[in-house]
Amino acid sequence: MDKGLDPLILDLVEWVAREPRAYSDLIDAWRTSCPRLTVWEDAVDRGLVRREGARISETMVHVTDQGLDFLRANGRLH
């Protein structure tokens, strides 16, 4: 994982922490065609966010306890 992406990962986790997001909205906002910008994938791999839902159309993304700790450690949790 590229630590250089941490600021973007922080932005994503902070955005999800404000309120759970629909998976489709998150992908629309954070999708990239650049293989070097793996913000969403890295956030999931690190356990900072999780998906819940049986169908894609109903899937929501939530911040995890690890994600909240990540925000706190970086001064982003209010």
PDB file of N, CA and C in Angstrom:
ATOM      1  N   MET A   1       0.836  -1.189   0.000  1.00  0.00           N
ATOM      2  CA  MET A   1       0.000   0.000   0.000  1.00  0.00           C
ATOM      3  C   MET A   1       0.875   1.243   0.000  1.00  0.00           C
ATOM      4  N   ASP A   2       0.452   2.219  -0.705  1.00  0.00           N
ATOM      5  CA  ASP A   2       1.187   3.460  -0.876  1.00  0.00           C
ATOM      6  C   ASP A   2       0.779   4.458   0.209  1.00  0.00           C
ATOM      7  N   LYS A   3       1.696   4.748   1.141  1.00  0.00           N
ATOM      8  CA  LYS A   3       1.402   5.711   2.211  1.00  0.00           C
ATOM      9  C   LYS A   3       1.178   7.109   1.653  1.00  0.00           C
ATOM     10  N   GLY A   4       1.614   7.353   0.428  1.00  0.00           N
ATOM     11  CA  GLY A   4       1.383   8.645  -0.211  1.00  0.00           C
ATOM     12  C   GLY A   4      -0.091   8.909  -0.479  1.00  0.00           C
ATOM     13  N   LEU A   5      -0.894   7.861  -0.446  1.00  0.00           N
ATOM     14  CA  LEU A   5      -2.337   8.017  -0.644  1.00  0.00           C
ATOM     15  C   LEU A   5      -3.078   8.311   0.655  1.00  0.00           C
ATOM     16  N   ASP A   6      -2.387   8.280   1.786  1.00  0.00           N
ATOM     17  CA  ASP A   6      -3.056   8.488   3.074  1.00  0.00           C
ATOM     18  C   ASP A   6      -3.946   9.732   3.121  1.00  0.00           C
ATOM     19  N   PRO A   7      -3.525  10.883   2.602  1.00  0.00           N
ATOM     20  CA  PRO A   7      -4.425  12.048   2.643  1.00  0.00           C
ATOM     21  C   PRO A   7      -5.748  11.797   1.913  1.00  0.00           C
ATOM     22  N   LEU A   8      -5.699  11.119   0.785  1.00  0.00           N
ATOM     23  CA  LEU A   8      -6.930  10.807   0.052  1.00  0.00           C
ATOM     24  C   LEU A   8      -7.753   9.759   0.781  1.00  0.00           C
ATOM     25  N   ILE A   9      -7.086   8.771   1.367  1.00  0.00           N
ATOM     26  CA  ILE A   9      -7.794   7.756   2.139  1.00  0.00           C
ATOM     27  C   ILE A   9      -8.460   8.406   3.347  1.00  0.00           C
ATOM     28  N   LEU A  10      -7.767   9.327   3.989  1.00  0.00           N
ATOM     29  CA  LEU A  10      -8.365  10.073   5.104  1.00  0.00           C
ATOM     30  C   LEU A  10      -9.615  10.814   4.653  1.00  0.00           C
ATOM     31  N   ASP A  11      -9.548  11.450   3.496  1.00  0.00           N
ATOM     32  CA  ASP A  11     -10.718  12.165   2.970  1.00  0.00           C
ATOM     33  C   ASP A  11     -11.892  11.215   2.761  1.00  0.00           C
ATOM     34  N   LEU A  12     -11.633  10.056   2.179  1.00  0.00           N
ATOM     35  CA  LEU A  12     -12.701   9.087   1.930  1.00  0.00           C
ATOM     36  C   LEU A  12     -13.301   8.601   3.245  1.00  0.00           C
ATOM     37  N   VAL A  13     -12.460   8.200   4.185  1.00  0.00           N
ATOM     38  CA  VAL A  13     -12.952   7.673   5.470  1.00  0.00           C
ATOM     39  C   VAL A  13     -13.714   8.759   6.224  1.00  0.00           C
ATOM     40  N   GLU A  14     -13.226   9.973   6.205  1.00  0.00           N
ATOM     41  CA  GLU A  14     -13.917  11.081   6.868  1.00  0.00           C
ATOM     42  C   GLU A  14     -15.288  11.319   6.233  1.00  0.00           C
ATOM     43  N   TRP A  15     -15.379  11.237   4.930  1.00  0.00           N
ATOM     44  CA  TRP A  15     -16.634  11.429   4.203  1.00  0.00           C
ATOM     45  C   TRP A  15     -17.642  10.350   4.591  1.00  0.00           C
ATOM     46  N   VAL A  16     -17.182   9.109   4.682  1.00  0.00           N
ATOM     47  CA  VAL A  16     -18.068   8.008   5.078  1.00  0.00           C
ATOM     48  C   VAL A  16     -18.438   8.118   6.551  1.00  0.00           C
ATOM     49  N   ALA A  17     -17.529   8.603   7.382  1.00  0.00           N
ATOM     50  CA  ALA A  17     -17.797   8.720   8.817  1.00  0.00           C
ATOM     51  C   ALA A  17     -18.906   9.731   9.113  1.00  0.00           C
ATOM     52  N   ARG A  18     -19.080  10.705   8.249  1.00  0.00           N
ATOM     53  CA  ARG A  18     -20.149  11.697   8.453  1.00  0.00           C
ATOM     54  C   ARG A  18     -21.524  11.048   8.418  1.00  0.00           C
ATOM     55  N   GLU A  19     -21.678  10.075   7.520  1.00  0.00           N
ATOM     56  CA  GLU A  19     -22.915   9.289   7.413  1.00  0.00           C
ATOM     57  C   GLU A  19     -22.653   8.116   6.489  1.00  0.00           C
ATOM     58  N   PRO A  20     -23.281   6.976   6.744  1.00  0.00           N
ATOM     59  CA  PRO A  20     -23.106   5.848   5.823  1.00  0.00           C
ATOM     60  C   PRO A  20     -23.482   6.280   4.406  1.00  0.00           C
ATOM     61  N   ARG A  21     -22.762   5.755   3.437  1.00  0.00           N
ATOM     62  CA  ARG A  21     -22.959   6.139   2.032  1.00  0.00           C
ATOM     63  C   ARG A  21     -23.405   4.932   1.217  1.00  0.00           C
ATOM     64  N   ALA A  22     -24.255   5.174   0.256  1.00  0.00           N
ATOM     65  CA  ALA A  22     -24.609   4.116  -0.687  1.00  0.00           C
ATOM     66  C   ALA A  22     -23.358   3.748  -1.473  1.00  0.00           C
ATOM     67  N   TYR A  23     -23.148   2.455  -1.657  1.00  0.00           N
ATOM     68  CA  TYR A  23     -21.980   1.986  -2.402  1.00  0.00           C
ATOM     69  C   TYR A  23     -21.928   2.627  -3.783  1.00  0.00           C
ATOM     70  N   SER A  24     -23.064   2.723  -4.440  1.00  0.00           N
ATOM     71  CA  SER A  24     -23.092   3.309  -5.787  1.00  0.00           C
ATOM     72  C   SER A  24     -22.657   4.771  -5.764  1.00  0.00           C
ATOM     73  N   ASP A  25     -23.048   5.526  -4.736  1.00  0.00           N
ATOM     74  CA  ASP A  25     -22.624   6.924  -4.616  1.00  0.00           C
ATOM     75  C   ASP A  25     -21.123   7.010  -4.351  1.00  0.00           C
ATOM     76  N   LEU A  26     -20.636   6.121  -3.494  1.00  0.00           N
ATOM     77  CA  LEU A  26     -19.210   6.133  -3.175  1.00  0.00           C
ATOM     78  C   LEU A  26     -18.383   5.831  -4.421  1.00  0.00           C
ATOM     79  N   ILE A  27     -18.775   4.820  -5.163  1.00  0.00           N
ATOM     80  CA  ILE A  27     -18.021   4.464  -6.363  1.00  0.00           C
ATOM     81  C   ILE A  27     -18.088   5.587  -7.397  1.00  0.00           C
ATOM     82  N   ASP A  28     -19.235   6.232  -7.537  1.00  0.00           N
ATOM     83  CA  ASP A  28     -19.340   7.364  -8.462  1.00  0.00           C
ATOM     84  C   ASP A  28     -18.391   8.494  -8.063  1.00  0.00           C
ATOM     85  N   ALA A  29     -18.281   8.731  -6.768  1.00  0.00           N
ATOM     86  CA  ALA A  29     -17.452   9.837  -6.280  1.00  0.00           C
ATOM     87  C   ALA A  29     -15.960   9.496  -6.262  1.00  0.00           C
ATOM     88  N   TRP A  30     -15.614   8.237  -5.998  1.00  0.00           N
ATOM     89  CA  TRP A  30     -14.219   7.884  -5.769  1.00  0.00           C
ATOM     90  C   TRP A  30     -13.604   6.979  -6.830  1.00  0.00           C
ATOM     91  N   ARG A  31     -14.354   6.597  -7.828  1.00  0.00           N
ATOM     92  CA  ARG A  31     -13.809   5.732  -8.881  1.00  0.00           C
ATOM     93  C   ARG A  31     -12.761   6.500  -9.684  1.00  0.00           C
ATOM     94  N   THR A  32     -11.741   5.799 -10.076  1.00  0.00           N
ATOM     95  CA  THR A  32     -10.697   6.389 -10.911  1.00  0.00           C
ATOM     96  C   THR A  32     -10.222   5.351 -11.911  1.00  0.00           C
ATOM     97  N   SER A  33      -9.791   5.791 -13.039  1.00  0.00           N
ATOM     98  CA  SER A  33      -9.241   4.861 -14.028  1.00  0.00           C
ATOM     99  C   SER A  33      -7.731   4.735 -13.884  1.00  0.00           C
ATOM    100  N   CYS A  34      -7.166   5.476 -12.959  1.00  0.00           N
ATOM    101  CA  CYS A  34      -5.719   5.433 -12.747  1.00  0.00           C
ATOM    102  C   CYS A  34      -5.367   4.266 -11.815  1.00  0.00           C
ATOM    103  N   PRO A  35      -4.581   3.306 -12.287  1.00  0.00           N
ATOM    104  CA  PRO A  35      -4.251   2.161 -11.444  1.00  0.00           C
ATOM    105  C   PRO A  35      -3.382   2.513 -10.240  1.00  0.00           C
ATOM    106  N   ARG A  36      -2.840   3.711 -10.215  1.00  0.00           N
ATOM    107  CA  ARG A  36      -2.014   4.130  -9.076  1.00  0.00           C
ATOM    108  C   ARG A  36      -2.823   4.806  -7.974  1.00  0.00           C
ATOM    109  N   LEU A  37      -4.072   5.124  -8.245  1.00  0.00           N
ATOM    110  CA  LEU A  37      -4.931   5.742  -7.238  1.00  0.00           C
ATOM    111  C   LEU A  37      -5.930   4.708  -6.746  1.00  0.00           C
ATOM    112  N   THR A  38      -5.493   3.932  -5.789  1.00  0.00           N
ATOM    113  CA  THR A  38      -6.299   2.830  -5.262  1.00  0.00           C
ATOM    114  C   THR A  38      -6.905   3.198  -3.904  1.00  0.00           C
ATOM    115  N   VAL A  39      -7.468   4.373  -3.825  1.00  0.00           N
ATOM    116  CA  VAL A  39      -7.969   4.905  -2.558  1.00  0.00           C
ATOM    117  C   VAL A  39      -9.041   3.989  -1.961  1.00  0.00           C
ATOM    118  N   TRP A  40     -10.082   3.691  -2.726  1.00  0.00           N
ATOM    119  CA  TRP A  40     -11.163   2.840  -2.238  1.00  0.00           C
ATOM    120  C   TRP A  40     -10.629   1.454  -1.853  1.00  0.00           C
ATOM    121  N   GLU A  41      -9.850   0.850  -2.714  1.00  0.00           N
ATOM    122  CA  GLU A  41      -9.326  -0.479  -2.463  1.00  0.00           C
ATOM    123  C   GLU A  41      -8.450  -0.514  -1.216  1.00  0.00           C
ATOM    124  N   ASP A  42      -7.601   0.508  -1.048  1.00  0.00           N
ATOM    125  CA  ASP A  42      -6.730   0.564   0.119  1.00  0.00           C
ATOM    126  C   ASP A  42      -7.531   0.756   1.404  1.00  0.00           C
ATOM    127  N   ALA A  43      -8.568   1.575   1.362  1.00  0.00           N
ATOM    128  CA  ALA A  43      -9.406   1.785   2.545  1.00  0.00           C
ATOM    129  C   ALA A  43     -10.078   0.476   2.966  1.00  0.00           C
ATOM    130  N   VAL A  44     -10.542  -0.291   1.995  1.00  0.00           N
ATOM    131  CA  VAL A  44     -11.161  -1.595   2.290  1.00  0.00           C
ATOM    132  C   VAL A  44     -10.101  -2.574   2.787  1.00  0.00           C
ATOM    133  N   ASP A  45      -8.964  -2.653   2.106  1.00  0.00           N
ATOM    134  CA  ASP A  45      -7.897  -3.585   2.490  1.00  0.00           C
ATOM    135  C   ASP A  45      -7.391  -3.312   3.903  1.00  0.00           C
ATOM    136  N   ARG A  46      -7.356  -2.057   4.296  1.00  0.00           N
ATOM    137  CA  ARG A  46      -6.888  -1.691   5.644  1.00  0.00           C
ATOM    138  C   ARG A  46      -7.972  -1.875   6.699  1.00  0.00           C
ATOM    139  N   GLY A  47      -9.178  -2.194   6.283  1.00  0.00           N
ATOM    140  CA  GLY A  47     -10.275  -2.400   7.235  1.00  0.00           C
ATOM    141  C   GLY A  47     -10.842  -1.109   7.779  1.00  0.00           C
ATOM    142  N   LEU A  48     -10.696  -0.015   7.037  1.00  0.00           N
ATOM    143  CA  LEU A  48     -11.156   1.293   7.498  1.00  0.00           C
ATOM    144  C   LEU A  48     -12.630   1.531   7.195  1.00  0.00           C
ATOM    145  N   VAL A  49     -13.139   0.866   6.166  1.00  0.00           N
ATOM    146  CA  VAL A  49     -14.549   0.937   5.790  1.00  0.00           C
ATOM    147  C   VAL A  49     -15.019  -0.476   5.455  1.00  0.00           C
ATOM    148  N   ARG A  50     -16.341  -0.669   5.518  1.00  0.00           N
ATOM    149  CA  ARG A  50     -16.900  -1.974   5.162  1.00  0.00           C
ATOM    150  C   ARG A  50     -18.201  -1.795   4.397  1.00  0.00           C
ATOM    151  N   ARG A  51     -18.506  -2.758   3.572  1.00  0.00           N
ATOM    152  CA  ARG A  51     -19.763  -2.773   2.814  1.00  0.00           C
ATOM    153  C   ARG A  51     -20.742  -3.686   3.527  1.00  0.00           C
ATOM    154  N   GLU A  52     -22.022  -3.282   3.528  1.00  0.00           N
ATOM    155  CA  GLU A  52     -23.089  -4.110   4.080  1.00  0.00           C
ATOM    156  C   GLU A  52     -24.268  -4.072   3.135  1.00  0.00           C
ATOM    157  N   GLY A  53     -24.783  -5.230   2.824  1.00  0.00           N
ATOM    158  CA  GLY A  53     -25.950  -5.319   1.961  1.00  0.00           C
ATOM    159  C   GLY A  53     -25.878  -6.532   1.069  1.00  0.00           C
ATOM    160  N   ALA A  54     -27.038  -7.101   0.800  1.00  0.00           N
ATOM    161  CA  ALA A  54     -27.099  -8.317  -0.006  1.00  0.00           C
ATOM    162  C   ALA A  54     -26.994  -8.024  -1.497  1.00  0.00           C
ATOM    163  N   ARG A  55     -27.545  -6.906  -1.926  1.00  0.00           N
ATOM    164  CA  ARG A  55     -27.527  -6.536  -3.345  1.00  0.00           C
ATOM    165  C   ARG A  55     -26.760  -5.238  -3.517  1.00  0.00           C
ATOM    166  N   ILE A  56     -26.103  -5.112  -4.642  1.00  0.00           N
ATOM    167  CA  ILE A  56     -25.333  -3.886  -4.913  1.00  0.00           C
ATOM    168  C   ILE A  56     -26.216  -2.652  -4.769  1.00  0.00           C
ATOM    169  N   SER A  57     -27.444  -2.729  -5.252  1.00  0.00           N
ATOM    170  CA  SER A  57     -28.335  -1.568  -5.203  1.00  0.00           C
ATOM    171  C   SER A  57     -28.708  -1.175  -3.775  1.00  0.00           C
ATOM    172  N   GLU A  58     -28.515  -2.093  -2.822  1.00  0.00           N
ATOM    173  CA  GLU A  58     -28.853  -1.812  -1.427  1.00  0.00           C
ATOM    174  C   GLU A  58     -27.622  -1.721  -0.528  1.00  0.00           C
ATOM    175  N   THR A  59     -26.454  -1.885  -1.104  1.00  0.00           N
ATOM    176  CA  THR A  59     -25.225  -1.921  -0.308  1.00  0.00           C
ATOM    177  C   THR A  59     -24.866  -0.536   0.203  1.00  0.00           C
ATOM    178  N   MET A  60     -24.567  -0.492   1.495  1.00  0.00           N
ATOM    179  CA  MET A  60     -24.133   0.737   2.144  1.00  0.00           C
ATOM    180  C   MET A  60     -22.694   0.564   2.617  1.00  0.00           C
ATOM    181  N   VAL A  61     -21.968   1.663   2.677  1.00  0.00           N
ATOM    182  CA  VAL A  61     -20.590   1.661   3.151  1.00  0.00           C
ATOM    183  C   VAL A  61     -20.558   2.386   4.488  1.00  0.00           C
ATOM    184  N   HIS A  62     -19.919   1.751   5.470  1.00  0.00           N
ATOM    185  CA  HIS A  62     -19.818   2.287   6.826  1.00  0.00           C
ATOM    186  C   HIS A  62     -18.350   2.372   7.230  1.00  0.00           C
ATOM    187  N   VAL A  63     -18.053   3.302   8.103  1.00  0.00           N
ATOM    188  CA  VAL A  63     -16.706   3.374   8.663  1.00  0.00           C
ATOM    189  C   VAL A  63     -16.614   2.339   9.781  1.00  0.00           C
ATOM    190  N   THR A  64     -15.452   1.735   9.932  1.00  0.00           N
ATOM    191  CA  THR A  64     -15.220   0.735  10.971  1.00  0.00           C
ATOM    192  C   THR A  64     -14.571   1.393  12.186  1.00  0.00           C
ATOM    193  N   ASP A  65     -14.423   0.625  13.268  1.00  0.00           N
ATOM    194  CA  ASP A  65     -13.706   1.135  14.438  1.00  0.00           C
ATOM    195  C   ASP A  65     -12.265   1.472  14.067  1.00  0.00           C
ATOM    196  N   GLN A  66     -11.658   0.649  13.202  1.00  0.00           N
ATOM    197  CA  GLN A  66     -10.298   0.945  12.730  1.00  0.00           C
ATOM    198  C   GLN A  66     -10.280   2.258  11.956  1.00  0.00           C
ATOM    199  N   GLY A  67     -11.322   2.503  11.182  1.00  0.00           N
ATOM    200  CA  GLY A  67     -11.412   3.750  10.435  1.00  0.00           C
ATOM    201  C   GLY A  67     -11.510   4.951  11.358  1.00  0.00           C
ATOM    202  N   LEU A  68     -12.304   4.811  12.422  1.00  0.00           N
ATOM    203  CA  LEU A  68     -12.412   5.898  13.406  1.00  0.00           C
ATOM    204  C   LEU A  68     -11.070   6.133  14.095  1.00  0.00           C
ATOM    205  N   ASP A  69     -10.371   5.047  14.430  1.00  0.00           N
ATOM    206  CA  ASP A  69      -9.035   5.188  15.028  1.00  0.00           C
ATOM    207  C   ASP A  69      -8.078   5.896  14.068  1.00  0.00           C
ATOM    208  N   PHE A  70      -8.152   5.563  12.788  1.00  0.00           N
ATOM    209  CA  PHE A  70      -7.323   6.189  11.752  1.00  0.00           C
ATOM    210  C   PHE A  70      -7.600   7.690  11.685  1.00  0.00           C
ATOM    211  N   LEU A  71      -8.881   8.054  11.748  1.00  0.00           N
ATOM    212  CA  LEU A  71      -9.251   9.479  11.741  1.00  0.00           C
ATOM    213  C   LEU A  71      -8.723  10.175  12.991  1.00  0.00           C
ATOM    214  N   ARG A  72      -8.908   9.553  14.155  1.00  0.00           N
ATOM    215  CA  ARG A  72      -8.419  10.150  15.411  1.00  0.00           C
ATOM    216  C   ARG A  72      -6.912  10.355  15.375  1.00  0.00           C
ATOM    217  N   ALA A  73      -6.202   9.343  14.924  1.00  0.00           N
ATOM    218  CA  ALA A  73      -4.731   9.399  14.890  1.00  0.00           C
ATOM    219  C   ALA A  73      -4.220  10.494  13.974  1.00  0.00           C
ATOM    220  N   ASN A  74      -5.057  10.908  13.030  1.00  0.00           N
ATOM    221  CA  ASN A  74      -4.659  11.941  12.068  1.00  0.00           C
ATOM    222  C   ASN A  74      -5.388  13.256  12.286  1.00  0.00           C
ATOM    223  N   GLY A  75      -6.002  13.427  13.462  1.00  0.00           N
ATOM    224  CA  GLY A  75      -6.649  14.691  13.813  1.00  0.00           C
ATOM    225  C   GLY A  75      -7.874  15.015  12.986  1.00  0.00           C
ATOM    226  N   ARG A  76      -8.562  14.006  12.445  1.00  0.00           N
ATOM    227  CA  ARG A  76      -9.708  14.255  11.579  1.00  0.00           C
ATOM    228  C   ARG A  76     -11.053  13.940  12.223  1.00  0.00           C
ATOM    229  N   LEU A  77     -11.053  13.395  13.435  1.00  0.00           N
ATOM    230  CA  LEU A  77     -12.317  13.046  14.069  1.00  0.00           C
ATOM    231  C   LEU A  77     -12.746  14.187  14.966  1.00  0.00           C
ATOM    232  N   HIS A  78     -13.958  14.655  14.740  1.00  0.00           N
ATOM    233  CA  HIS A  78     -14.466  15.806  15.495  1.00  0.00           C
ATOM    234  C   HIS A  78     -15.313  15.342  16.660  1.00  0.00           C
TER     235      HIS A  78
END
